[in-house]
PDB file of all heavy atoms in Angstrom:
ATOM      1  N   ASN A   1     -18.537 -13.113   7.660  1.00  0.00           N
ATOM      2  CA  ASN A   1     -18.019 -13.875   6.435  1.00  0.00           C
ATOM      3  C   ASN A   1     -17.362 -12.913   5.443  1.00  0.00           C
ATOM      4  O   ASN A   1     -16.321 -13.261   4.869  1.00  0.00           O
ATOM      5  CB  ASN A   1     -19.218 -14.512   5.684  1.00  0.00           C
ATOM      6  CG  ASN A   1     -19.852 -15.655   6.502  1.00  0.00           C
ATOM      7  OD1 ASN A   1     -19.183 -16.245   7.387  1.00  0.00           O
ATOM      8  ND2 ASN A   1     -21.099 -16.019   6.260  1.00  0.00           N
ATOM      9  N   LEU A   2     -17.899 -11.597   5.451  1.00  0.00           N
ATOM     10  CA  LEU A   2     -17.240 -10.597   4.581  1.00  0.00           C
ATOM     11  C   LEU A   2     -15.998 -10.100   5.128  1.00  0.00           C
ATOM     12  O   LEU A   2     -15.032  -9.713   4.266  1.00  0.00           O
ATOM     13  CB  LEU A   2     -18.223  -9.500   4.369  1.00  0.00           C
ATOM     14  CG  LEU A   2     -19.017  -9.409   3.094  1.00  0.00           C
ATOM     15  CD1 LEU A   2     -20.083  -8.275   3.184  1.00  0.00           C
ATOM     16  CD2 LEU A   2     -18.146  -9.270   1.882  1.00  0.00           C
ATOM     17  N   ALA A   3     -15.791 -10.357   6.414  1.00  0.00           N
ATOM     18  CA  ALA A   3     -14.493  -9.811   7.020  1.00  0.00           C
ATOM     19  C   ALA A   3     -13.297 -10.534   6.486  1.00  0.00           C
ATOM     20  O   ALA A   3     -12.137 -10.073   6.457  1.00  0.00           O
ATOM     21  CB  ALA A   3     -14.555  -9.905   8.623  1.00  0.00           C
ATOM     22  N   ALA A   4     -13.531 -11.840   6.148  1.00  0.00           N
ATOM     23  CA  ALA A   4     -12.460 -12.730   5.492  1.00  0.00           C
ATOM     24  C   ALA A   4     -11.951 -12.175   4.175  1.00  0.00           C
ATOM     25  O   ALA A   4     -10.858 -12.243   3.819  1.00  0.00           O
ATOM     26  CB  ALA A   4     -12.972 -14.118   5.335  1.00  0.00           C
ATOM     27  N   ALA A   5     -12.929 -11.497   3.464  1.00  0.00           N
ATOM     28  CA  ALA A   5     -12.644 -10.898   2.120  1.00  0.00           C
ATOM     29  C   ALA A   5     -12.010  -9.445   2.324  1.00  0.00           C
ATOM     30  O   ALA A   5     -11.195  -9.020   1.468  1.00  0.00           O
ATOM     31  CB  ALA A   5     -13.789 -10.841   1.220  1.00  0.00           C
ATOM     32  N   TYR A   6     -12.522  -8.854   3.392  1.00  0.00           N
ATOM     33  CA  TYR A   6     -11.906  -7.405   3.624  1.00  0.00           C
ATOM     34  C   TYR A   6     -10.565  -7.371   4.146  1.00  0.00           C
ATOM     35  O   TYR A   6     -10.158  -8.271   4.899  1.00  0.00           O
ATOM     36  CB  TYR A   6     -12.907  -6.778   4.649  1.00  0.00           C
ATOM     37  CG  TYR A   6     -12.984  -5.327   4.559  1.00  0.00           C
ATOM     38  CD1 TYR A   6     -12.927  -4.657   3.375  1.00  0.00           C
ATOM     39  CD2 TYR A   6     -13.381  -4.547   5.666  1.00  0.00           C
ATOM     40  CE1 TYR A   6     -12.977  -3.233   3.298  1.00  0.00           C
ATOM     41  CE2 TYR A   6     -13.417  -3.223   5.596  1.00  0.00           C
ATOM     42  CZ  TYR A   6     -13.186  -2.508   4.406  1.00  0.00           C
ATOM     43  OH  TYR A   6     -13.272  -1.152   4.405  1.00  0.00           O
ATOM     44  N   GLY A   7      -9.868  -6.475   3.753  1.00  0.00           N
ATOM     45  CA  GLY A   7      -8.531  -6.249   4.320  1.00  0.00           C
ATOM     46  C   GLY A   7      -7.355  -6.520   3.273  1.00  0.00           C
ATOM     47  O   GLY A   7      -6.431  -5.776   3.177  1.00  0.00           O
ATOM     48  N   ILE A   8      -7.571  -7.557   2.469  1.00  0.00           N
ATOM     49  CA  ILE A   8      -6.453  -7.826   1.569  1.00  0.00           C
ATOM     50  C   ILE A   8      -6.271  -6.775   0.478  1.00  0.00           C
ATOM     51  O   ILE A   8      -5.193  -6.303   0.121  1.00  0.00           O
ATOM     52  CB  ILE A   8      -6.629  -9.248   0.962  1.00  0.00           C
ATOM     53  CG1 ILE A   8      -5.345  -9.727   0.292  1.00  0.00           C
ATOM     54  CG2 ILE A   8      -7.748  -9.222  -0.113  1.00  0.00           C
ATOM     55  CD1 ILE A   8      -5.229 -11.143  -0.090  1.00  0.00           C
ATOM     56  N   ALA A   9      -7.362  -6.183   0.015  1.00  0.00           N
ATOM     57  CA  ALA A   9      -7.276  -4.973  -1.001  1.00  0.00           C
ATOM     58  C   ALA A   9      -6.686  -3.794  -0.305  1.00  0.00           C
ATOM     59  O   ALA A   9      -5.851  -3.199  -0.956  1.00  0.00           O
ATOM     60  CB  ALA A   9      -8.633  -4.725  -1.540  1.00  0.00           C
ATOM     61  N   VAL A  10      -7.165  -3.552   0.887  1.00  0.00           N
ATOM     62  CA  VAL A  10      -6.558  -2.373   1.672  1.00  0.00           C
ATOM     63  C   VAL A  10      -5.111  -2.556   1.963  1.00  0.00           C
ATOM     64  O   VAL A  10      -4.327  -1.631   1.708  1.00  0.00           O
ATOM     65  CB  VAL A  10      -7.404  -2.135   2.933  1.00  0.00           C
ATOM     66  CG1 VAL A  10      -6.830  -1.030   3.628  1.00  0.00           C
ATOM     67  CG2 VAL A  10      -8.911  -1.952   2.643  1.00  0.00           C
ATOM     68  N   THR A  11      -4.712  -3.653   2.435  1.00  0.00           N
ATOM     69  CA  THR A  11      -3.292  -3.787   2.860  1.00  0.00           C
ATOM     70  C   THR A  11      -2.409  -3.873   1.593  1.00  0.00           C
ATOM     71  O   THR A  11      -1.304  -3.423   1.643  1.00  0.00           O
ATOM     72  CB  THR A  11      -3.137  -5.149   3.689  1.00  0.00           C
ATOM     73  OG1 THR A  11      -3.709  -6.203   2.944  1.00  0.00           O
ATOM     74  CG2 THR A  11      -3.802  -5.010   5.053  1.00  0.00           C
ATOM     75  N   GLY A  12      -2.992  -4.517   0.445  1.00  0.00           N
ATOM     76  CA  GLY A  12      -2.200  -4.419  -0.670  1.00  0.00           C
ATOM     77  C   GLY A  12      -2.029  -3.023  -1.315  1.00  0.00           C
ATOM     78  O   GLY A  12      -0.848  -2.707  -1.635  1.00  0.00           O
ATOM     79  N   ALA A  13      -3.044  -2.163  -1.246  1.00  0.00           N
ATOM     80  CA  ALA A  13      -2.952  -0.836  -1.659  1.00  0.00           C
ATOM     81  C   ALA A  13      -1.930  -0.041  -0.709  1.00  0.00           C
ATOM     82  O   ALA A  13      -1.168   0.754  -1.179  1.00  0.00           O
ATOM     83  CB  ALA A  13      -4.328  -0.124  -1.678  1.00  0.00           C
ATOM     84  N   MET A  14      -2.064  -0.396   0.599  1.00  0.00           N
ATOM     85  CA  MET A  14      -1.108   0.312   1.500  1.00  0.00           C
ATOM     86  C   MET A  14       0.310  -0.007   1.220  1.00  0.00           C
ATOM     87  O   MET A  14       1.271   0.735   1.306  1.00  0.00           O
ATOM     88  CB  MET A  14      -1.521  -0.024   2.968  1.00  0.00           C
ATOM     89  CG  MET A  14      -2.780   0.538   3.471  1.00  0.00           C
ATOM     90  SD  MET A  14      -3.115   0.147   5.225  1.00  0.00           S
ATOM     91  CE  MET A  14      -4.563   1.054   5.460  1.00  0.00           C
ATOM     92  N   PHE A  15       0.509  -1.244   0.962  1.00  0.00           N
ATOM     93  CA  PHE A  15       1.924  -1.743   0.672  1.00  0.00           C
ATOM     94  C   PHE A  15       2.456  -0.994  -0.550  1.00  0.00           C
ATOM     95  O   PHE A  15       3.610  -0.581  -0.618  1.00  0.00           O
ATOM     96  CB  PHE A  15       1.878  -3.204   0.447  1.00  0.00           C
ATOM     97  CG  PHE A  15       3.193  -3.801  -0.039  1.00  0.00           C
ATOM     98  CD1 PHE A  15       4.373  -3.762   0.825  1.00  0.00           C
ATOM     99  CD2 PHE A  15       3.337  -4.408  -1.331  1.00  0.00           C
ATOM    100  CE1 PHE A  15       5.607  -4.344   0.390  1.00  0.00           C
ATOM    101  CE2 PHE A  15       4.523  -4.980  -1.720  1.00  0.00           C
ATOM    102  CZ  PHE A  15       5.675  -4.911  -0.883  1.00  0.00           C
ATOM    103  N   ILE A  16       1.608  -0.886  -1.640  1.00  0.00           N
ATOM    104  CA  ILE A  16       2.061  -0.204  -2.803  1.00  0.00           C
ATOM    105  C   ILE A  16       2.231   1.310  -2.581  1.00  0.00           C
ATOM    106  O   ILE A  16       3.209   1.762  -3.129  1.00  0.00           O
ATOM    107  CB  ILE A  16       0.981  -0.444  -3.874  1.00  0.00           C
ATOM    108  CG1 ILE A  16       0.959  -1.887  -4.454  1.00  0.00           C
ATOM    109  CG2 ILE A  16       1.296   0.487  -5.111  1.00  0.00           C
ATOM    110  CD1 ILE A  16      -0.241  -2.229  -5.301  1.00  0.00           C
ATOM    111  N   ASP A  17       1.479   1.877  -1.754  1.00  0.00           N
ATOM    112  CA  ASP A  17       1.722   3.162  -1.380  1.00  0.00           C
ATOM    113  C   ASP A  17       3.018   3.502  -0.714  1.00  0.00           C
ATOM    114  O   ASP A  17       3.797   4.467  -0.950  1.00  0.00           O
ATOM    115  CB  ASP A  17       0.638   3.783  -0.433  1.00  0.00           C
ATOM    116  CG  ASP A  17      -0.670   4.136  -1.064  1.00  0.00           C
ATOM    117  OD1 ASP A  17      -0.699   4.156  -2.319  1.00  0.00           O
ATOM    118  OD2 ASP A  17      -1.703   4.167  -0.388  1.00  0.00           O
ATOM    119  N   THR A  18       3.442   2.470   0.073  1.00  0.00           N
ATOM    120  CA  THR A  18       4.835   2.541   0.732  1.00  0.00           C
ATOM    121  C   THR A  18       5.878   2.522  -0.372  1.00  0.00           C
ATOM    122  O   THR A  18       6.849   3.274  -0.275  1.00  0.00           O
ATOM    123  CB  THR A  18       4.963   1.566   1.633  1.00  0.00           C
ATOM    124  OG1 THR A  18       4.008   1.635   2.753  1.00  0.00           O
ATOM    125  CG2 THR A  18       6.337   1.456   2.302  1.00  0.00           C
ATOM    126  N   LEU A  19       5.744   1.670  -1.349  1.00  0.00           N
ATOM    127  CA  LEU A  19       6.733   1.598  -2.421  1.00  0.00           C
ATOM    128  C   LEU A  19       6.835   2.866  -3.245  1.00  0.00           C
ATOM    129  O   LEU A  19       7.893   3.299  -3.532  1.00  0.00           O
ATOM    130  CB  LEU A  19       6.424   0.354  -3.328  1.00  0.00           C
ATOM    131  CG  LEU A  19       6.442  -1.014  -2.703  1.00  0.00           C
ATOM    132  CD1 LEU A  19       6.143  -2.079  -3.728  1.00  0.00           C
ATOM    133  CD2 LEU A  19       7.871  -1.313  -2.093  1.00  0.00           C
ATOM    134  N   LEU A  20       5.591   3.438  -3.575  1.00  0.00           N
ATOM    135  CA  LEU A  20       5.632   4.753  -4.255  1.00  0.00           C
ATOM    136  C   LEU A  20       6.283   5.820  -3.412  1.00  0.00           C
ATOM    137  O   LEU A  20       6.982   6.714  -4.001  1.00  0.00           O
ATOM    138  CB  LEU A  20       4.192   4.966  -4.615  1.00  0.00           C
ATOM    139  CG  LEU A  20       3.483   4.103  -5.721  1.00  0.00           C
ATOM    140  CD1 LEU A  20       2.028   4.527  -5.839  1.00  0.00           C
ATOM    141  CD2 LEU A  20       4.215   4.078  -6.998  1.00  0.00           C
ATOM    142  N   LEU A  21       5.979   5.726  -2.065  1.00  0.00           N
ATOM    143  CA  LEU A  21       6.539   6.770  -1.172  1.00  0.00           C
ATOM    144  C   LEU A  21       8.004   6.617  -1.278  1.00  0.00           C
ATOM    145  O   LEU A  21       8.727   7.675  -1.096  1.00  0.00           O
ATOM    146  CB  LEU A  21       5.926   6.598   0.185  1.00  0.00           C
ATOM    147  CG  LEU A  21       6.589   7.462   1.264  1.00  0.00           C
ATOM    148  CD1 LEU A  21       6.281   8.974   1.070  1.00  0.00           C
ATOM    149  CD2 LEU A  21       6.124   7.045   2.703  1.00  0.00           C
ATOM    150  N   ALA A  22       8.557   5.470  -1.246  1.00  0.00           N
ATOM    151  CA  ALA A  22      10.005   5.277  -1.201  1.00  0.00           C
ATOM    152  C   ALA A  22      10.619   5.947  -2.468  1.00  0.00           C
ATOM    153  O   ALA A  22      11.694   6.611  -2.428  1.00  0.00           O
ATOM    154  CB  ALA A  22      10.321   3.746  -1.242  1.00  0.00           C
ATOM    155  N   ALA A  23       9.943   5.831  -3.615  1.00  0.00           N
ATOM    156  CA  ALA A  23      10.441   6.448  -4.853  1.00  0.00           C
ATOM    157  C   ALA A  23      10.371   7.991  -4.703  1.00  0.00           C
ATOM    158  O   ALA A  23      11.412   8.715  -5.115  1.00  0.00           O
ATOM    159  CB  ALA A  23       9.484   6.091  -5.983  1.00  0.00           C
ATOM    160  N   VAL A  24       9.440   8.512  -4.007  1.00  0.00           N
ATOM    161  CA  VAL A  24       9.357   9.995  -3.782  1.00  0.00           C
ATOM    162  C   VAL A  24      10.513  10.439  -2.790  1.00  0.00           C
ATOM    163  O   VAL A  24      11.196  11.399  -3.110  1.00  0.00           O
ATOM    164  CB  VAL A  24       7.995  10.365  -3.054  1.00  0.00           C
ATOM    165  CG1 VAL A  24       7.993  11.806  -2.644  1.00  0.00           C
ATOM    166  CG2 VAL A  24       6.801  10.151  -4.166  1.00  0.00           C
ATOM    167  N   LEU A  25      10.744   9.718  -1.707  1.00  0.00           N
ATOM    168  CA  LEU A  25      11.747  10.073  -0.704  1.00  0.00           C
ATOM    169  C   LEU A  25      13.095  10.046  -1.276  1.00  0.00           C
ATOM    170  O   LEU A  25      13.930  10.965  -1.161  1.00  0.00           O
ATOM    171  CB  LEU A  25      11.653   9.177   0.506  1.00  0.00           C
ATOM    172  CG  LEU A  25      10.318   9.161   1.353  1.00  0.00           C
ATOM    173  CD1 LEU A  25      10.464   8.210   2.552  1.00  0.00           C
ATOM    174  CD2 LEU A  25      10.158  10.553   1.857  1.00  0.00           C
ATOM    175  N   PHE A  26      13.440   8.960  -2.010  1.00  0.00           N
ATOM    176  CA  PHE A  26      14.701   8.738  -2.550  1.00  0.00           C
ATOM    177  C   PHE A  26      15.008   9.680  -3.791  1.00  0.00           C
ATOM    178  O   PHE A  26      16.032  10.127  -4.013  1.00  0.00           O
ATOM    179  CB  PHE A  26      15.105   7.333  -2.755  1.00  0.00           C
ATOM    180  CG  PHE A  26      15.316   6.614  -1.486  1.00  0.00           C
ATOM    181  CD1 PHE A  26      14.331   5.516  -1.169  1.00  0.00           C
ATOM    182  CD2 PHE A  26      16.303   6.699  -0.638  1.00  0.00           C
ATOM    183  CE1 PHE A  26      14.519   4.823   0.011  1.00  0.00           C
ATOM    184  CE2 PHE A  26      16.495   6.009   0.569  1.00  0.00           C
ATOM    185  CZ  PHE A  26      15.557   5.055   0.764  1.00  0.00           C
ATOM    186  N   SER A  27      14.153   9.573  -4.751  1.00  0.00           N
ATOM    187  CA  SER A  27      14.324  10.137  -6.071  1.00  0.00           C
ATOM    188  C   SER A  27      13.884  11.505  -6.240  1.00  0.00           C
ATOM    189  O   SER A  27      14.500  12.270  -7.005  1.00  0.00           O
ATOM    190  CB  SER A  27      13.731   9.271  -7.133  1.00  0.00           C
ATOM    191  OG  SER A  27      14.230   7.905  -7.086  1.00  0.00           O
ATOM    192  N   LEU A  28      12.767  11.894  -5.556  1.00  0.00           N
ATOM    193  CA  LEU A  28      12.213  13.244  -5.767  1.00  0.00           C
ATOM    194  C   LEU A  28      12.591  14.253  -4.678  1.00  0.00           C
ATOM    195  O   LEU A  28      12.963  15.343  -5.035  1.00  0.00           O
ATOM    196  CB  LEU A  28      10.715  13.104  -5.886  1.00  0.00           C
ATOM    197  CG  LEU A  28      10.166  12.255  -6.969  1.00  0.00           C
ATOM    198  CD1 LEU A  28       8.619  12.384  -7.063  1.00  0.00           C
ATOM    199  CD2 LEU A  28      10.752  12.608  -8.382  1.00  0.00           C
ATOM    200  N   TRP A  29      12.490  13.775  -3.412  1.00  0.00           N
ATOM    201  CA  TRP A  29      12.898  14.678  -2.307  1.00  0.00           C
ATOM    202  C   TRP A  29      14.371  14.554  -2.004  1.00  0.00           C
ATOM    203  O   TRP A  29      14.906  15.366  -1.272  1.00  0.00           O
ATOM    204  CB  TRP A  29      12.024  14.279  -1.115  1.00  0.00           C
ATOM    205  CG  TRP A  29      10.665  14.717  -1.245  1.00  0.00           C
ATOM    206  CD1 TRP A  29      10.046  15.316  -2.300  1.00  0.00           C
ATOM    207  CD2 TRP A  29       9.553  14.316  -0.351  1.00  0.00           C
ATOM    208  NE1 TRP A  29       8.735  15.396  -2.128  1.00  0.00           N
ATOM    209  CE2 TRP A  29       8.406  14.841  -0.888  1.00  0.00           C
ATOM    210  CE3 TRP A  29       9.592  13.707   0.837  1.00  0.00           C
ATOM    211  CZ2 TRP A  29       7.157  14.679  -0.181  1.00  0.00           C
ATOM    212  CZ3 TRP A  29       8.360  13.529   1.548  1.00  0.00           C
ATOM    213  CH2 TRP A  29       7.142  14.029   1.039  1.00  0.00           C
TER     214      TRP A  29
END
């Protein structure tokens, strides 16, 4: 039952990490 709740927080954070990484790649590096 908990598996249904698990994952959305992790995938949301991973998605945001990708957006932040894009800012690093294009604007900083």
